[in-house]
N, C-alpha and C. Protein backbone atom coordinates (compact mmCIF):
# COMPACT_ATOMS: atom_id res chain seq x y z
N MET A 1 2.19 10.26 13.90
CA MET A 1 3.30 9.48 13.10
C MET A 1 2.52 8.52 12.25
N LEU A 2 3.00 8.48 11.01
CA LEU A 2 2.33 7.59 10.16
C LEU A 2 2.69 5.97 10.37
N LYS A 3 1.64 5.16 10.28
CA LYS A 3 1.95 3.90 10.52
C LYS A 3 1.95 3.04 9.11
N ARG A 4 1.32 3.67 8.04
CA ARG A 4 1.47 2.93 6.78
C ARG A 4 1.28 4.08 5.81
N LYS A 5 1.56 3.57 4.49
CA LYS A 5 1.58 4.49 3.31
C LYS A 5 0.30 4.24 2.63
N THR A 6 -0.23 5.17 1.81
CA THR A 6 -1.35 5.12 1.03
C THR A 6 -1.23 4.07 0.04
N PRO A 7 -2.23 3.41 -0.55
CA PRO A 7 -2.14 2.38 -1.37
C PRO A 7 -1.27 2.74 -2.69
N LYS A 8 -1.31 4.08 -3.29
CA LYS A 8 -0.65 4.45 -4.30
C LYS A 8 0.81 4.60 -4.13
N GLN A 9 1.22 4.92 -2.85
CA GLN A 9 2.56 5.04 -2.55
C GLN A 9 3.28 3.88 -1.90
N LYS A 10 2.59 2.74 -1.74
CA LYS A 10 3.07 1.67 -1.10
C LYS A 10 4.26 1.06 -1.84
N GLY A 11 5.33 0.65 -1.22
CA GLY A 11 6.57 0.16 -1.94
C GLY A 11 7.50 1.14 -2.51
N LYS A 12 7.15 2.47 -2.56
CA LYS A 12 7.95 3.29 -3.36
C LYS A 12 8.74 4.16 -2.26
N PHE A 13 10.03 4.51 -2.76
CA PHE A 13 10.91 5.34 -1.92
C PHE A 13 11.68 6.22 -2.85
N SER A 14 12.30 7.15 -2.15
CA SER A 14 13.17 8.29 -2.94
C SER A 14 14.48 7.91 -3.21
N PHE A 15 14.88 7.83 -4.51
CA PHE A 15 16.34 7.47 -4.75
C PHE A 15 17.22 8.41 -4.18
N THR A 16 16.78 9.56 -4.17
CA THR A 16 17.65 10.83 -3.64
C THR A 16 17.97 10.63 -2.25
N ARG A 17 17.02 10.05 -1.26
CA ARG A 17 17.31 9.86 -0.08
C ARG A 17 17.97 8.51 0.14
N PHE A 18 17.79 7.77 -0.59
CA PHE A 18 18.59 6.27 -0.49
C PHE A 18 20.04 6.48 -0.78
N PHE A 19 20.47 7.51 -1.63
CA PHE A 19 21.84 7.72 -1.96
C PHE A 19 22.46 8.84 -1.28
N GLN A 20 21.81 9.46 -0.35
CA GLN A 20 22.38 10.65 0.06
C GLN A 20 23.71 10.46 0.97
N LYS A 21 24.57 11.36 1.08
CA LYS A 21 25.86 11.17 1.90
C LYS A 21 25.96 12.06 3.03
N PHE A 22 26.61 11.55 4.05
CA PHE A 22 26.79 12.49 5.17
C PHE A 22 28.13 12.39 5.60
N GLN A 23 28.78 13.41 6.25
CA GLN A 23 30.01 13.52 6.72
C GLN A 23 30.10 13.40 8.33
N PRO A 24 31.10 13.01 8.93
CA PRO A 24 31.15 12.90 10.38
C PRO A 24 30.96 14.20 10.99
N GLY A 25 30.13 14.27 11.95
CA GLY A 25 29.88 15.53 12.67
C GLY A 25 28.53 16.24 12.24
N ASP A 26 27.95 15.70 11.05
CA ASP A 26 26.63 16.21 10.48
C ASP A 26 25.52 15.88 11.48
N SER A 27 24.70 16.76 11.64
CA SER A 27 23.33 16.66 12.56
C SER A 27 22.34 16.07 11.58
N VAL A 28 21.62 15.03 12.12
CA VAL A 28 20.69 14.33 11.32
C VAL A 28 19.53 13.95 12.23
N ALA A 29 18.30 13.79 11.63
CA ALA A 29 17.16 13.41 12.41
C ALA A 29 16.74 11.99 11.77
N VAL A 30 16.19 11.37 12.61
CA VAL A 30 15.68 9.81 12.13
C VAL A 30 14.31 10.06 11.76
N VAL A 31 14.13 9.80 10.52
CA VAL A 31 12.74 9.83 9.79
C VAL A 31 12.62 8.41 9.10
N ARG A 32 11.56 7.71 9.51
CA ARG A 32 11.55 6.34 9.10
C ARG A 32 10.96 6.33 7.72
N GLU A 33 11.52 5.64 6.89
CA GLU A 33 10.76 5.35 5.43
C GLU A 33 10.04 4.11 5.74
N LEU A 34 8.66 4.17 5.54
CA LEU A 34 7.81 3.04 5.94
C LEU A 34 7.87 1.91 5.07
N SER A 35 8.40 1.99 3.78
CA SER A 35 8.35 0.83 2.86
C SER A 35 9.66 0.04 3.02
N ILE A 36 10.51 0.46 4.03
CA ILE A 36 11.74 -0.37 4.28
C ILE A 36 11.89 -0.45 5.71
N PRO A 37 12.12 -1.67 6.25
CA PRO A 37 12.17 -1.96 7.60
C PRO A 37 13.28 -1.16 8.37
N LEU A 38 13.20 -0.56 9.44
CA LEU A 38 14.15 0.12 10.22
C LEU A 38 14.96 -0.75 10.97
N GLY A 39 14.49 -1.69 11.74
CA GLY A 39 15.23 -2.56 12.53
C GLY A 39 15.38 -2.24 13.97
N TYR A 40 14.95 -0.95 14.37
CA TYR A 40 14.95 -0.65 15.70
C TYR A 40 13.79 -0.19 16.11
N SER A 41 13.48 0.13 17.31
CA SER A 41 12.18 0.54 18.06
C SER A 41 11.70 1.80 17.29
N LYS A 42 10.38 1.91 17.38
CA LYS A 42 9.82 3.22 16.79
C LYS A 42 10.03 4.37 17.65
N ARG A 43 10.61 4.27 18.87
CA ARG A 43 10.74 5.42 19.74
C ARG A 43 11.95 6.33 19.40
N ILE A 44 12.85 5.80 18.35
CA ILE A 44 13.84 6.68 18.00
C ILE A 44 13.39 7.49 16.71
N GLN A 45 12.08 7.37 16.26
CA GLN A 45 11.59 8.24 15.21
C GLN A 45 11.56 9.75 15.63
N GLY A 46 12.08 10.53 14.86
CA GLY A 46 12.13 11.97 15.15
C GLY A 46 13.36 12.36 16.15
N ARG A 47 14.05 11.55 16.55
CA ARG A 47 15.22 11.89 17.52
C ARG A 47 16.36 12.48 16.46
N THR A 48 17.10 13.24 17.21
CA THR A 48 18.19 13.94 16.33
C THR A 48 19.58 13.44 17.00
N GLY A 49 20.58 13.33 16.12
CA GLY A 49 21.86 13.19 16.62
C GLY A 49 22.87 13.47 15.81
N LYS A 50 24.16 12.99 15.97
CA LYS A 50 25.44 13.37 15.20
C LYS A 50 25.93 12.07 14.44
N VAL A 51 26.26 12.27 13.27
CA VAL A 51 26.95 11.16 12.45
C VAL A 51 28.52 11.01 13.02
N LEU A 52 28.57 9.66 13.49
CA LEU A 52 30.08 9.52 13.83
C LEU A 52 31.00 8.85 12.69
N GLU A 53 30.47 8.01 12.05
CA GLU A 53 31.30 7.41 10.85
C GLU A 53 30.35 6.61 10.04
N LYS A 54 30.89 6.13 8.88
CA LYS A 54 30.28 5.48 7.82
C LYS A 54 30.63 3.94 7.94
N ARG A 55 29.78 3.01 8.07
CA ARG A 55 30.10 1.61 8.06
C ARG A 55 29.40 0.91 6.96
N GLY A 56 30.16 0.54 5.96
CA GLY A 56 29.53 0.03 4.84
C GLY A 56 28.54 0.84 4.04
N SER A 57 27.32 0.56 3.91
CA SER A 57 26.31 1.52 3.40
C SER A 57 25.46 2.37 4.30
N ALA A 58 25.75 2.04 5.62
CA ALA A 58 25.02 2.57 6.87
C ALA A 58 25.98 3.77 7.39
N TYR A 59 25.28 4.49 8.19
CA TYR A 59 25.93 5.48 9.17
C TYR A 59 25.84 5.07 10.58
N TYR A 60 26.81 5.35 11.40
CA TYR A 60 26.79 5.12 12.74
C TYR A 60 26.46 6.47 13.45
N ILE A 61 25.28 6.52 14.12
CA ILE A 61 24.61 7.79 14.64
C ILE A 61 24.70 7.66 16.18
N GLU A 62 25.00 8.69 16.85
CA GLU A 62 25.00 8.90 18.18
C GLU A 62 23.72 9.66 18.64
N ILE A 63 22.75 9.11 19.38
CA ILE A 63 21.56 9.80 19.91
C ILE A 63 21.32 9.84 21.25
N LYS A 64 21.12 10.79 21.89
CA LYS A 64 20.99 10.95 23.34
C LYS A 64 19.48 10.50 23.79
N ASP A 65 19.50 9.52 24.69
CA ASP A 65 18.24 8.99 25.12
C ASP A 65 18.38 9.08 26.76
N LEU A 66 17.45 10.00 27.23
CA LEU A 66 17.47 10.11 28.71
C LEU A 66 18.84 10.45 29.23
N HIS A 67 19.50 11.33 28.59
CA HIS A 67 20.80 11.97 28.98
C HIS A 67 21.88 10.96 28.75
N LYS A 68 21.72 9.86 28.07
CA LYS A 68 22.77 8.83 27.91
C LYS A 68 23.03 8.70 26.37
N PRO A 69 24.21 8.77 26.04
CA PRO A 69 24.37 8.72 24.51
C PRO A 69 24.25 7.03 24.00
N LYS A 70 23.52 6.86 23.01
CA LYS A 70 23.38 5.67 22.42
C LYS A 70 23.68 5.62 21.00
N ARG A 71 24.21 4.55 20.55
CA ARG A 71 24.75 4.44 19.09
C ARG A 71 23.89 3.62 18.39
N TYR A 72 23.57 3.98 17.15
CA TYR A 72 22.70 3.07 16.06
C TYR A 72 23.43 3.05 14.87
N LEU A 73 23.22 2.07 14.09
CA LEU A 73 23.65 1.87 12.68
C LEU A 73 22.44 1.96 11.83
N ILE A 74 22.33 3.06 11.09
CA ILE A 74 21.09 3.26 10.24
C ILE A 74 21.48 3.50 9.01
N LYS A 75 20.71 3.08 7.94
CA LYS A 75 20.74 3.26 6.61
C LYS A 75 20.38 4.58 6.23
N PRO A 76 21.00 5.28 5.12
CA PRO A 76 20.75 6.75 4.96
C PRO A 76 19.35 7.14 4.46
N ILE A 77 18.49 6.08 4.06
CA ILE A 77 17.22 6.37 3.64
C ILE A 77 16.30 6.81 4.88
N HIS A 78 16.68 6.46 6.11
CA HIS A 78 15.93 6.81 7.31
C HIS A 78 16.43 7.99 8.10
N LEU A 79 17.40 8.74 7.32
CA LEU A 79 18.00 9.92 7.89
C LEU A 79 17.78 11.09 7.08
N LYS A 80 17.72 12.27 7.81
CA LYS A 80 17.37 13.56 7.07
C LYS A 80 18.40 14.61 7.79
N ARG A 81 19.14 15.14 6.92
CA ARG A 81 20.03 16.22 7.36
C ARG A 81 19.32 17.56 7.96
N ILE A 82 19.89 17.96 9.04
CA ILE A 82 19.24 19.24 9.77
C ILE A 82 20.40 20.29 9.89
N GLU A 83 20.00 21.38 9.88
CA GLU A 83 20.99 22.50 10.06
C GLU A 83 21.26 22.81 11.54
N ASP A 84 22.48 23.05 11.89
CA ASP A 84 22.97 23.40 13.17
C ASP A 84 22.45 24.72 13.40
N VAL A 85 21.93 24.99 14.69
CA VAL A 85 21.41 26.31 15.12
C VAL A 85 22.58 26.91 15.86
N LYS A 86 22.90 28.17 15.24
CA LYS A 86 24.24 28.80 15.82
C LYS A 86 23.73 30.15 16.47
C-alpha cells in the first residue's frame, strides 16, 4: 500500500475520479487518493461495499467489517466502481 506520492505527482488528482457518479446499489471499492485526506482509518483501504445513497457531494457506503455492516460517508475521489460477479 502506498504511503506517499512521488514528488512529481504530489498534490495532483484526477478530475474524472473527483466528479464520478454512482447509483444506489453500485458496488465500489475504497481506494485512497493520497493527496486528499480520507478522514477514516487506513484499514478500510481496499474494502468493497455497496452505495446506499448520496449525501451532499459524498456517498454513504455500507462495508462489512468482521461480518458486521458498517456505514461510512466517503467522497467519490476515494471510490472505484467494481463490476458485480454473476
